[in-house]
Structures are given as structure tokens and as C-alpha cells.
Amino acid sequence: MALDQQLLDILACPDTHHAPLTYDAAAQTLTCTECHRVFEVRDDIPILLLDEARPAAPEAS
């Protein structure tokens, strides 16, 4: 089951900049568009805890 679009429209990074998040349904993650932290989605529940977020994988050049 995917996250509801209305929920995705209001979700934001919990850090002070509150940037929008992008959803990757295949990986079940939300990624901040500003700080690039990756937040897991477990059982269709976004885990928006800074302590549990991981940095995005570095992109190959």
C-alpha cells in the first residue's frame, strides 16, 4: 500500500528548514529536498525522527 497523496502533500522534513519530502515507493523512503536525509516508511507510517534518518547515498560522478 502506498502513502496517501494528501499526506505526502503536507509532510515536511522535521529539521528547522521544513523542506518538502520526495517519496520513493519502491524503496519505502522519504528524502528531504534540502538536507537529503532519508526517512524510512514502515508499515505505511513515515518515521520522521532525525535520530533515525540516514544521509543520502553519495551520487556517482
N, C-alpha and C. Protein backbone atom coordinates (compact mmCIF):
# COMPACT_ATOMS: atom_id res chain seq x y z
N MET A 1 0.84 -1.18 0.00
CA MET A 1 0.00 0.00 0.00
C MET A 1 0.88 1.24 0.00
N ALA A 2 0.54 2.22 -0.78
CA ALA A 2 1.32 3.45 -0.89
C ALA A 2 0.76 4.51 0.05
N LEU A 3 1.58 5.50 0.31
CA LEU A 3 1.13 6.61 1.15
C LEU A 3 0.12 7.46 0.38
N ASP A 4 -0.85 7.97 1.09
CA ASP A 4 -1.88 8.81 0.51
C ASP A 4 -1.27 10.12 -0.01
N GLN A 5 -1.68 10.57 -1.18
CA GLN A 5 -1.14 11.79 -1.78
C GLN A 5 -1.41 13.01 -0.90
N GLN A 6 -2.55 13.07 -0.23
CA GLN A 6 -2.84 14.21 0.65
C GLN A 6 -1.85 14.26 1.80
N LEU A 7 -1.45 13.11 2.34
CA LEU A 7 -0.45 13.07 3.39
C LEU A 7 0.89 13.52 2.85
N LEU A 8 1.27 13.02 1.68
CA LEU A 8 2.55 13.41 1.09
C LEU A 8 2.61 14.92 0.84
N ASP A 9 1.48 15.54 0.51
CA ASP A 9 1.45 16.98 0.24
C ASP A 9 1.75 17.82 1.48
N ILE A 10 1.48 17.30 2.67
CA ILE A 10 1.69 18.10 3.88
C ILE A 10 2.94 17.70 4.67
N LEU A 11 3.53 16.55 4.34
CA LEU A 11 4.73 16.12 5.06
C LEU A 11 5.91 17.04 4.73
N ALA A 12 6.74 17.29 5.75
CA ALA A 12 7.93 18.11 5.57
C ALA A 12 9.03 17.57 6.47
N CYS A 13 10.26 17.91 6.15
CA CYS A 13 11.40 17.50 6.94
C CYS A 13 11.23 18.04 8.37
N PRO A 14 11.53 17.24 9.38
CA PRO A 14 11.38 17.71 10.75
C PRO A 14 12.49 18.65 11.20
N ASP A 15 13.53 18.84 10.38
CA ASP A 15 14.59 19.78 10.73
C ASP A 15 14.05 21.21 10.61
N THR A 16 14.81 22.19 11.03
CA THR A 16 14.33 23.56 11.12
C THR A 16 13.94 24.18 9.77
N HIS A 17 14.45 23.67 8.66
CA HIS A 17 14.12 24.24 7.35
C HIS A 17 12.76 23.76 6.82
N HIS A 18 12.23 22.65 7.33
CA HIS A 18 10.92 22.12 6.97
C HIS A 18 10.71 22.02 5.45
N ALA A 19 11.73 21.53 4.77
CA ALA A 19 11.67 21.38 3.31
C ALA A 19 10.74 20.22 2.94
N PRO A 20 10.22 20.25 1.72
CA PRO A 20 9.36 19.15 1.25
C PRO A 20 10.15 17.84 1.14
N LEU A 21 9.40 16.75 1.15
CA LEU A 21 10.00 15.43 1.04
C LEU A 21 9.56 14.78 -0.27
N THR A 22 10.45 13.98 -0.85
CA THR A 22 10.09 13.21 -2.03
C THR A 22 9.94 11.75 -1.61
N TYR A 23 8.93 11.10 -2.16
CA TYR A 23 8.59 9.73 -1.78
C TYR A 23 9.10 8.75 -2.83
N ASP A 24 9.79 7.72 -2.39
CA ASP A 24 10.22 6.62 -3.25
C ASP A 24 9.44 5.39 -2.81
N ALA A 25 8.40 5.07 -3.56
CA ALA A 25 7.52 3.96 -3.19
C ALA A 25 8.24 2.62 -3.22
N ALA A 26 9.15 2.44 -4.17
CA ALA A 26 9.86 1.17 -4.28
C ALA A 26 10.77 0.94 -3.08
N ALA A 27 11.45 1.99 -2.63
CA ALA A 27 12.37 1.86 -1.50
C ALA A 27 11.69 2.09 -0.16
N GLN A 28 10.42 2.58 -0.21
CA GLN A 28 9.69 2.91 1.01
C GLN A 28 10.47 3.92 1.86
N THR A 29 10.85 5.03 1.21
CA THR A 29 11.59 6.09 1.90
C THR A 29 11.06 7.46 1.49
N LEU A 30 11.32 8.42 2.34
CA LEU A 30 11.07 9.84 2.06
C LEU A 30 12.43 10.53 2.15
N THR A 31 12.74 11.39 1.19
CA THR A 31 14.02 12.09 1.16
C THR A 31 13.78 13.59 1.19
N CYS A 32 14.50 14.28 2.06
CA CYS A 32 14.39 15.73 2.16
C CYS A 32 15.02 16.37 0.92
N THR A 33 14.34 17.35 0.36
CA THR A 33 14.84 18.02 -0.83
C THR A 33 15.96 19.01 -0.51
N GLU A 34 16.15 19.34 0.76
CA GLU A 34 17.20 20.29 1.14
C GLU A 34 18.40 19.62 1.79
N CYS A 35 18.19 18.90 2.87
CA CYS A 35 19.33 18.30 3.60
C CYS A 35 19.62 16.88 3.13
N HIS A 36 18.75 16.30 2.31
CA HIS A 36 18.92 14.98 1.70
C HIS A 36 18.95 13.83 2.70
N ARG A 37 18.41 14.04 3.90
CA ARG A 37 18.25 12.93 4.83
C ARG A 37 17.19 11.99 4.27
N VAL A 38 17.35 10.71 4.57
CA VAL A 38 16.41 9.70 4.10
C VAL A 38 15.67 9.14 5.32
N PHE A 39 14.34 9.20 5.26
CA PHE A 39 13.48 8.71 6.33
C PHE A 39 12.76 7.47 5.84
N GLU A 40 12.73 6.43 6.66
CA GLU A 40 12.05 5.19 6.28
C GLU A 40 10.55 5.32 6.45
N VAL A 41 9.84 4.52 5.67
CA VAL A 41 8.39 4.35 5.83
C VAL A 41 8.20 2.89 6.22
N ARG A 42 7.68 2.67 7.43
CA ARG A 42 7.47 1.31 7.93
C ARG A 42 5.98 1.07 8.12
N ASP A 43 5.48 0.04 7.50
CA ASP A 43 4.05 -0.30 7.59
C ASP A 43 3.18 0.90 7.24
N ASP A 44 3.58 1.62 6.19
CA ASP A 44 2.86 2.81 5.70
C ASP A 44 2.86 3.96 6.70
N ILE A 45 3.81 3.98 7.62
CA ILE A 45 3.94 5.06 8.59
C ILE A 45 5.30 5.73 8.39
N PRO A 46 5.32 7.03 8.03
CA PRO A 46 6.59 7.73 7.87
C PRO A 46 7.27 7.91 9.23
N ILE A 47 8.54 7.53 9.32
CA ILE A 47 9.30 7.66 10.56
C ILE A 47 10.15 8.94 10.42
N LEU A 48 9.59 10.06 10.85
CA LEU A 48 10.23 11.36 10.66
C LEU A 48 10.99 11.78 11.91
N LEU A 49 11.90 10.92 12.34
CA LEU A 49 12.74 11.21 13.50
C LEU A 49 14.16 11.48 13.01
N LEU A 50 14.70 12.64 13.37
CA LEU A 50 16.04 12.98 12.91
C LEU A 50 17.08 11.97 13.35
N ASP A 51 16.91 11.40 14.54
CA ASP A 51 17.87 10.41 15.05
C ASP A 51 17.86 9.12 14.24
N GLU A 52 16.76 8.82 13.57
CA GLU A 52 16.67 7.58 12.80
C GLU A 52 16.90 7.80 11.31
N ALA A 53 17.01 9.04 10.88
CA ALA A 53 17.25 9.32 9.47
C ALA A 53 18.69 8.97 9.12
N ARG A 54 18.89 8.68 7.84
CA ARG A 54 20.25 8.40 7.38
C ARG A 54 20.58 9.37 6.25
N PRO A 55 21.85 9.66 6.04
CA PRO A 55 22.21 10.54 4.94
C PRO A 55 21.97 9.83 3.61
N ALA A 56 21.70 10.60 2.59
CA ALA A 56 21.51 10.01 1.27
C ALA A 56 22.82 9.44 0.76
N ALA A 57 22.72 8.41 -0.04
CA ALA A 57 23.92 7.80 -0.62
C ALA A 57 24.56 8.81 -1.56
N PRO A 58 25.88 8.92 -1.52
CA PRO A 58 26.55 9.86 -2.44
C PRO A 58 26.34 9.42 -3.89
N GLU A 59 26.12 10.40 -4.75
CA GLU A 59 25.89 10.11 -6.16
C GLU A 59 27.21 9.90 -6.87
N ALA A 60 27.22 8.97 -7.79
CA ALA A 60 28.43 8.72 -8.57
C ALA A 60 28.65 9.85 -9.57
N SER A 61 29.91 10.24 -9.72
CA SER A 61 30.22 11.35 -10.65
C SER A 61 30.63 10.83 -11.99
